[in-house]
N, C-alpha and C. Protein backbone atom coordinates (compact mmCIF):
# COMPACT_ATOMS: atom_id res chain seq x y z
N MET A 1 0.84 -1.17 0.00
CA MET A 1 0.00 0.00 0.00
C MET A 1 0.89 1.24 0.00
N LYS A 2 0.43 2.29 -0.63
CA LYS A 2 1.20 3.53 -0.72
C LYS A 2 0.46 4.65 -0.01
N GLN A 3 1.22 5.61 0.43
CA GLN A 3 0.65 6.79 1.06
C GLN A 3 0.94 7.98 0.16
N TYR A 4 -0.07 8.77 -0.13
CA TYR A 4 0.04 9.91 -1.03
C TYR A 4 -0.20 11.19 -0.24
N HIS A 5 0.62 12.18 -0.48
CA HIS A 5 0.45 13.50 0.12
C HIS A 5 0.09 14.47 -1.01
N PHE A 6 -1.09 15.03 -0.94
CA PHE A 6 -1.57 15.94 -1.96
C PHE A 6 -1.65 17.35 -1.38
N ASP A 7 -1.06 18.31 -2.05
CA ASP A 7 -1.11 19.70 -1.62
C ASP A 7 -2.09 20.44 -2.51
N PHE A 8 -3.15 20.94 -1.89
CA PHE A 8 -4.19 21.67 -2.61
C PHE A 8 -4.08 23.15 -2.32
N LEU A 9 -4.48 23.96 -3.30
CA LEU A 9 -4.47 25.40 -3.20
C LEU A 9 -5.87 25.92 -3.46
N CYS A 10 -6.30 26.87 -2.64
CA CYS A 10 -7.59 27.51 -2.83
C CYS A 10 -7.37 29.01 -2.72
N LYS A 11 -7.92 29.76 -3.66
CA LYS A 11 -7.81 31.21 -3.62
C LYS A 11 -9.16 31.78 -3.20
N LYS A 12 -9.16 32.37 -1.99
CA LYS A 12 -10.38 32.96 -1.44
C LYS A 12 -10.10 34.40 -1.06
N GLN A 13 -10.90 35.30 -1.55
CA GLN A 13 -10.81 36.71 -1.19
C GLN A 13 -9.38 37.23 -1.26
N GLU A 14 -8.74 37.02 -2.39
CA GLU A 14 -7.37 37.49 -2.65
C GLU A 14 -6.31 36.81 -1.79
N LYS A 15 -6.66 35.74 -1.06
CA LYS A 15 -5.69 35.01 -0.25
C LYS A 15 -5.50 33.61 -0.82
N GLU A 16 -4.29 33.12 -0.72
CA GLU A 16 -3.99 31.75 -1.11
C GLU A 16 -3.94 30.89 0.14
N ILE A 17 -4.76 29.86 0.19
CA ILE A 17 -4.81 28.96 1.33
C ILE A 17 -4.38 27.58 0.84
N ARG A 18 -3.48 26.97 1.57
CA ARG A 18 -2.98 25.64 1.20
C ARG A 18 -3.37 24.61 2.26
N LYS A 19 -3.58 23.39 1.79
CA LYS A 19 -3.94 22.29 2.69
C LYS A 19 -3.30 21.02 2.14
N THR A 20 -2.63 20.27 3.01
CA THR A 20 -2.07 18.98 2.64
C THR A 20 -3.02 17.90 3.13
N VAL A 21 -3.39 17.00 2.21
CA VAL A 21 -4.27 15.89 2.54
C VAL A 21 -3.50 14.60 2.29
N ILE A 22 -3.54 13.69 3.25
CA ILE A 22 -2.86 12.41 3.13
C ILE A 22 -3.90 11.33 2.87
N ALA A 23 -3.66 10.52 1.84
CA ALA A 23 -4.57 9.43 1.49
C ALA A 23 -3.74 8.17 1.25
N LYS A 24 -4.31 7.03 1.57
CA LYS A 24 -3.64 5.75 1.36
C LYS A 24 -4.38 4.95 0.31
N GLY A 25 -3.64 4.12 -0.43
CA GLY A 25 -4.26 3.27 -1.42
C GLY A 25 -3.23 2.64 -2.33
N ASN A 26 -3.71 1.81 -3.23
CA ASN A 26 -2.82 1.15 -4.20
C ASN A 26 -2.77 1.89 -5.53
N CYS A 27 -3.72 2.81 -5.73
CA CYS A 27 -3.84 3.51 -7.01
C CYS A 27 -3.89 5.01 -6.76
N VAL A 28 -3.05 5.76 -7.48
CA VAL A 28 -3.00 7.21 -7.28
C VAL A 28 -4.33 7.87 -7.64
N GLY A 29 -5.03 7.36 -8.63
CA GLY A 29 -6.30 7.96 -9.04
C GLY A 29 -7.35 7.88 -7.94
N MET A 30 -7.46 6.74 -7.32
CA MET A 30 -8.45 6.59 -6.25
C MET A 30 -8.05 7.41 -5.02
N ALA A 31 -6.76 7.46 -4.72
CA ALA A 31 -6.29 8.26 -3.58
C ALA A 31 -6.53 9.74 -3.84
N LEU A 32 -6.30 10.19 -5.08
CA LEU A 32 -6.53 11.60 -5.42
C LEU A 32 -8.01 11.94 -5.31
N ASP A 33 -8.87 11.05 -5.76
CA ASP A 33 -10.31 11.28 -5.66
C ASP A 33 -10.73 11.45 -4.20
N ASP A 34 -10.24 10.58 -3.35
CA ASP A 34 -10.55 10.66 -1.93
C ASP A 34 -10.00 11.95 -1.32
N ALA A 35 -8.77 12.28 -1.65
CA ALA A 35 -8.14 13.49 -1.11
C ALA A 35 -8.85 14.75 -1.59
N ALA A 36 -9.27 14.77 -2.85
CA ALA A 36 -9.97 15.93 -3.38
C ALA A 36 -11.30 16.14 -2.67
N LYS A 37 -12.01 15.07 -2.38
CA LYS A 37 -13.27 15.18 -1.64
C LYS A 37 -13.03 15.75 -0.25
N GLN A 38 -11.96 15.31 0.39
CA GLN A 38 -11.63 15.84 1.71
C GLN A 38 -11.27 17.32 1.64
N ALA A 39 -10.52 17.70 0.61
CA ALA A 39 -10.12 19.09 0.45
C ALA A 39 -11.32 19.99 0.17
N VAL A 40 -12.23 19.54 -0.69
CA VAL A 40 -13.44 20.31 -0.99
C VAL A 40 -14.24 20.53 0.29
N SER A 41 -14.34 19.49 1.10
CA SER A 41 -15.06 19.61 2.36
C SER A 41 -14.36 20.59 3.30
N TRP A 42 -13.06 20.54 3.37
CA TRP A 42 -12.30 21.41 4.26
C TRP A 42 -12.36 22.87 3.81
N PHE A 43 -12.18 23.11 2.49
CA PHE A 43 -12.21 24.47 1.96
C PHE A 43 -13.63 25.04 1.87
N GLY A 44 -14.60 24.17 1.71
CA GLY A 44 -15.98 24.62 1.56
C GLY A 44 -16.30 25.08 0.15
N THR A 45 -15.46 24.72 -0.80
CA THR A 45 -15.67 25.08 -2.21
C THR A 45 -14.97 24.05 -3.08
N SER A 46 -15.46 23.90 -4.30
CA SER A 46 -14.80 22.99 -5.24
C SER A 46 -13.81 23.74 -6.13
N ASP A 47 -13.62 25.01 -5.88
CA ASP A 47 -12.68 25.82 -6.66
C ASP A 47 -11.28 25.68 -6.06
N ILE A 48 -10.70 24.50 -6.25
CA ILE A 48 -9.38 24.20 -5.69
C ILE A 48 -8.46 23.69 -6.80
N TYR A 49 -7.18 23.73 -6.52
CA TYR A 49 -6.17 23.29 -7.48
C TYR A 49 -5.21 22.33 -6.80
N LEU A 50 -4.81 21.30 -7.51
CA LEU A 50 -3.77 20.40 -7.01
C LEU A 50 -2.43 21.05 -7.32
N GLU A 51 -1.71 21.39 -6.26
CA GLU A 51 -0.45 22.09 -6.43
C GLU A 51 0.72 21.12 -6.59
N SER A 52 0.74 20.07 -5.77
CA SER A 52 1.80 19.07 -5.86
C SER A 52 1.39 17.83 -5.10
N TYR A 53 2.15 16.76 -5.31
CA TYR A 53 1.93 15.54 -4.53
C TYR A 53 3.19 14.71 -4.51
N PHE A 54 3.27 13.83 -3.52
CA PHE A 54 4.35 12.86 -3.53
C PHE A 54 3.86 11.56 -2.94
N ILE A 55 4.58 10.50 -3.25
CA ILE A 55 4.19 9.14 -2.88
C ILE A 55 5.25 8.56 -1.94
N SER A 56 4.79 7.86 -0.93
CA SER A 56 5.72 7.11 -0.07
C SER A 56 5.17 5.73 0.14
N ASN A 57 6.04 4.74 0.12
CA ASN A 57 5.62 3.36 0.35
C ASN A 57 5.50 3.11 1.84
N ILE A 58 4.42 2.43 2.21
CA ILE A 58 4.25 2.01 3.58
C ILE A 58 3.95 0.52 3.59
N PHE A 59 4.15 -0.11 4.69
CA PHE A 59 3.94 -1.55 4.76
C PHE A 59 2.88 -1.89 5.75
């Protein structure tokens, strides 16, 4: 299983807000989908951007 760290960016009222979401899974697509849902919930808007991500192996 892999652990993915996704950094999301949201621009609200001329401010840039960043949030890192950690998701686990075997497939980056499914982990990104889960992380994006969490980020949308946290930001309160779907107007977000994926800024970066990295993968780490866990056992």
